[in-house]
Amino acid sequence: MSNEDPGPFPIDGQPLLLAGAKASLAPSRLPKLLADVQRYLSGELETYRRSYEQIYADDDREVFVVPSDHWESIGEACDLDRRETDGVRRGHVEQFRRLGSTTDRREEFETTLEIRSVVVIGCS
């Protein structure tokens, strides 16, 4: 991954802690992995806007619904192993759940996660 600025970090503290607790990797690794993936995703934002359903957006982030296996291709693009990819995916899912709770859309968001996954991209 490059050393470019990853842009706005799309994962809040609580979802980061939850994902770190559930991930099978050292908690200290997750923030760096999420920043590396954010760097990649910020360069793909226009592609996501054209290709995937945007289920949520605010001033800090946009959330896109993707096929369940989509994280495999992100992991490959970012040179992550299976555990790292799973940890980053969990961070995005926990952020999505938090957004559902804070916007009174929790049931809708949980239903979405039953059949698909999400990608959260920080934006400015």
Protein backbone atom coordinates (compact mmCIF):
# COMPACT_ATOMS: atom_id res chain seq x y z
CA MET A 1 0.00 0.00 0.00
CA SER A 2 1.15 3.52 -0.68
CA ASN A 3 1.93 6.14 1.94
CA GLU A 4 -0.66 8.56 0.55
CA ASP A 5 -3.15 10.13 2.94
CA PRO A 6 -5.99 7.62 3.31
CA GLY A 7 -8.55 10.40 3.50
CA PRO A 8 -11.26 10.57 6.14
CA PHE A 9 -11.32 7.52 8.42
CA PRO A 10 -14.84 6.06 8.09
CA ILE A 11 -14.91 3.80 11.17
CA ASP A 12 -15.80 5.27 14.57
CA GLY A 13 -14.19 4.18 17.84
CA GLN A 14 -16.92 1.85 19.13
CA PRO A 15 -17.25 -0.15 15.87
CA LEU A 16 -13.46 -0.34 15.72
CA LEU A 17 -13.33 -1.81 19.24
CA LEU A 18 -16.10 -4.32 18.46
CA ALA A 19 -14.46 -5.42 15.23
CA GLY A 20 -11.10 -5.70 16.96
CA ALA A 21 -12.61 -7.91 19.67
CA LYS A 22 -14.19 -10.22 17.07
CA ALA A 23 -11.30 -10.33 14.61
CA SER A 24 -8.70 -13.09 14.66
CA LEU A 25 -5.77 -10.68 14.59
CA ALA A 26 -3.95 -8.38 16.97
CA PRO A 27 -6.17 -5.39 17.84
CA SER A 28 -3.28 -3.02 17.17
CA ARG A 29 -3.23 -4.17 13.50
CA LEU A 30 -6.82 -3.29 12.68
CA PRO A 31 -6.55 0.55 12.55
CA LYS A 32 -3.65 0.37 10.08
CA LEU A 33 -5.43 -2.21 7.94
CA LEU A 34 -8.58 -0.09 7.91
CA ALA A 35 -6.54 2.97 6.91
CA ASP A 36 -4.86 1.02 4.10
CA VAL A 37 -8.22 -0.19 2.82
CA GLN A 38 -9.67 3.33 3.11
CA ARG A 39 -6.78 4.58 0.96
CA TYR A 40 -7.73 2.03 -1.71
CA LEU A 41 -11.50 2.59 -1.43
CA SER A 42 -11.25 6.38 -1.58
CA GLY A 43 -9.68 5.97 -5.02
CA GLU A 44 -12.61 3.77 -6.04
CA LEU A 45 -15.41 6.01 -4.71
CA GLU A 46 -16.74 7.03 -8.13
CA THR A 47 -16.80 3.39 -9.24
CA TYR A 48 -18.82 2.46 -6.15
CA ARG A 49 -21.23 5.33 -6.79
CA ARG A 50 -21.83 4.06 -10.34
CA SER A 51 -21.87 0.33 -9.62
CA TYR A 52 -23.47 -0.26 -6.23
CA GLU A 53 -26.51 0.80 -4.25
CA GLN A 54 -25.73 3.56 -1.78
CA ILE A 55 -27.75 2.77 1.34
CA TYR A 56 -26.48 5.59 3.53
CA ALA A 57 -24.52 8.83 3.21
CA ASP A 58 -23.60 11.70 5.49
CA ASP A 59 -20.86 14.33 5.54
CA ASP A 60 -18.22 11.81 6.66
CA ARG A 61 -18.96 8.57 4.82
CA GLU A 62 -20.93 6.75 2.17
CA VAL A 63 -22.11 3.16 2.58
CA PHE A 64 -22.63 0.83 -0.36
CA VAL A 65 -24.35 -2.55 -0.46
CA VAL A 66 -22.14 -5.15 -2.15
CA PRO A 67 -22.32 -8.90 -2.83
CA SER A 68 -21.29 -11.07 0.12
CA ASP A 69 -18.08 -12.18 -1.65
CA HIS A 70 -17.03 -8.63 -2.55
CA TRP A 71 -14.61 -8.40 0.36
CA GLU A 72 -12.48 -11.15 -1.21
CA SER A 73 -11.68 -8.85 -4.14
CA ILE A 74 -10.94 -5.92 -1.81
CA GLY A 75 -8.61 -8.15 0.21
CA GLU A 76 -6.81 -9.20 -2.95
CA ALA A 77 -6.52 -5.62 -4.21
CA CYS A 78 -5.08 -4.53 -0.85
CA ASP A 79 -2.83 -7.60 -0.49
CA LEU A 80 -4.54 -8.78 2.70
CA ASP A 81 -4.69 -12.34 3.94
CA ARG A 82 -8.00 -13.98 4.85
CA ARG A 83 -7.89 -12.98 8.54
CA GLU A 84 -6.95 -9.39 7.74
CA THR A 85 -9.74 -9.16 5.16
CA ASP A 86 -12.21 -10.57 7.68
CA GLY A 87 -11.11 -8.08 10.34
CA VAL A 88 -11.52 -5.11 8.00
CA ARG A 89 -14.89 -6.41 6.78
CA ARG A 90 -16.02 -6.70 10.40
CA GLY A 91 -15.03 -3.05 10.97
CA HIS A 92 -17.20 -1.95 8.08
CA VAL A 93 -20.12 -4.13 9.21
CA GLU A 94 -19.93 -2.84 12.81
CA GLN A 95 -19.86 0.76 11.55
CA PHE A 96 -22.94 0.03 9.42
CA ARG A 97 -24.73 -1.46 12.44
CA ARG A 98 -23.89 1.60 14.49
CA LEU A 99 -25.27 3.86 11.77
CA GLY A 100 -28.45 1.78 11.75
CA SER A 101 -28.84 2.25 15.49
CA THR A 102 -28.18 5.99 15.43
CA THR A 103 -30.54 6.64 12.49
CA ASP A 104 -33.41 4.41 13.66
CA ARG A 105 -32.84 2.09 10.68
CA ARG A 106 -31.42 -0.82 12.64
CA GLU A 107 -33.93 -3.43 11.44
CA GLU A 108 -33.48 -2.41 7.80
CA PHE A 109 -29.69 -2.53 8.09
CA GLU A 110 -29.70 -5.92 9.84
CA THR A 111 -31.92 -7.33 7.09
CA THR A 112 -29.46 -6.02 4.50
CA LEU A 113 -26.61 -7.84 6.24
CA GLU A 114 -28.50 -11.14 6.09
CA ILE A 115 -28.12 -11.29 2.31
CA ARG A 116 -25.31 -8.90 1.40
CA SER A 117 -22.36 -7.03 2.81
CA VAL A 118 -21.40 -3.36 2.97
CA VAL A 119 -18.46 -1.13 2.19
CA VAL A 120 -18.04 2.13 4.12
CA ILE A 121 -15.98 4.79 2.36
CA GLY A 122 -14.86 7.97 4.09
CA CYS A 123 -15.40 11.15 2.11
CA SER A 124 -14.89 14.84 2.63
